[in-house]
Amino acid sequence: MPNELKPCPFCGGVAQLTHKSECWGHGMNIDEHFVKCTQCGCKGKTHPAYDKTTAQCITDAIVSWNKRC
């Protein structure tokens, strides 16, 4: 599992793995994982844990953030 986050591609700020619980209605709560810059607020792709494990969502969020074009 990757564990080091690259700096923000826009401002060079420190990136932080973030987690929140999202209510999708009818009592269904979904955990979402994403990476966000602590300086400019740039946010990476959100990975909801409705069909994956939490560990896989965390890995996917880190990989998405670290991927550069």
Protein backbone atom coordinates (compact mmCIF):
# COMPACT_ATOMS: atom_id res chain seq x y z
CA MET A 1 0.00 0.00 0.00
CA PRO A 2 1.38 3.41 -0.90
CA ASN A 3 1.82 5.61 2.13
CA GLU A 4 3.58 8.78 1.01
CA LEU A 5 1.51 11.61 -0.43
CA LYS A 6 3.04 13.91 -3.00
CA PRO A 7 2.65 17.66 -2.41
CA CYS A 8 -0.26 19.53 -3.96
CA PRO A 9 0.21 19.84 -7.74
CA PHE A 10 -1.12 23.41 -7.67
CA CYS A 11 0.45 25.13 -4.66
CA GLY A 12 3.03 22.62 -3.39
CA GLY A 13 1.21 22.38 -0.05
CA VAL A 14 1.06 19.40 2.28
CA ALA A 15 -1.54 16.78 1.35
CA GLN A 16 -3.64 14.98 3.96
CA LEU A 17 -5.72 11.81 3.72
CA THR A 18 -9.29 12.69 4.71
CA HIS A 19 -12.31 10.63 5.68
CA LYS A 20 -15.96 11.53 6.01
CA SER A 21 -19.21 9.69 6.35
CA GLU A 22 -21.83 10.60 3.76
CA CYS A 23 -25.54 9.91 4.23
CA TRP A 24 -27.06 8.59 1.01
CA GLY A 25 -30.60 8.45 2.38
CA HIS A 26 -32.82 5.70 3.80
CA GLY A 27 -30.36 5.12 6.65
CA MET A 28 -27.48 4.30 4.31
CA ASN A 29 -24.20 5.88 5.41
CA ILE A 30 -21.14 5.53 3.20
CA ASP A 31 -17.56 6.20 4.27
CA GLU A 32 -15.65 8.28 1.72
CA HIS A 33 -11.88 8.68 1.49
CA PHE A 34 -9.98 11.37 -0.40
CA VAL A 35 -6.84 13.49 -0.23
CA LYS A 36 -7.01 17.24 0.30
CA CYS A 37 -4.37 19.97 0.30
CA THR A 38 -4.04 21.62 3.73
CA GLN A 39 -3.12 24.96 2.15
CA CYS A 40 -5.25 25.65 -0.94
CA GLY A 41 -8.01 23.07 -0.33
CA CYS A 42 -7.53 21.25 -3.64
CA LYS A 43 -9.33 17.90 -3.33
CA GLY A 44 -8.56 14.62 -5.04
CA LYS A 45 -11.05 12.06 -6.31
CA THR A 46 -13.47 10.73 -3.69
CA HIS A 47 -13.50 6.96 -3.14
CA PRO A 48 -16.69 5.73 -1.43
CA ALA A 49 -16.53 2.43 0.43
CA TYR A 50 -19.81 0.95 -0.78
CA ASP A 51 -18.25 -1.82 -2.86
CA LYS A 52 -14.64 -1.84 -1.58
CA THR A 53 -12.91 -2.29 1.73
CA THR A 54 -11.75 0.76 3.67
CA ALA A 55 -8.12 -0.21 3.04
CA GLN A 56 -8.73 -0.38 -0.72
CA CYS A 57 -10.45 3.02 -0.70
CA ILE A 58 -7.51 4.56 1.16
CA THR A 59 -5.05 3.01 -1.30
CA ASP A 60 -7.11 4.22 -4.27
CA ALA A 61 -7.33 7.77 -2.84
CA ILE A 62 -3.55 7.93 -2.36
CA VAL A 63 -2.82 6.49 -5.81
CA SER A 64 -5.28 8.95 -7.42
CA TRP A 65 -3.69 11.90 -5.65
CA ASN A 66 -0.13 10.87 -6.48
CA LYS A 67 -0.89 10.25 -10.16
CA ARG A 68 0.45 13.08 -12.28
CA CYS A 69 -0.29 13.66 -15.99
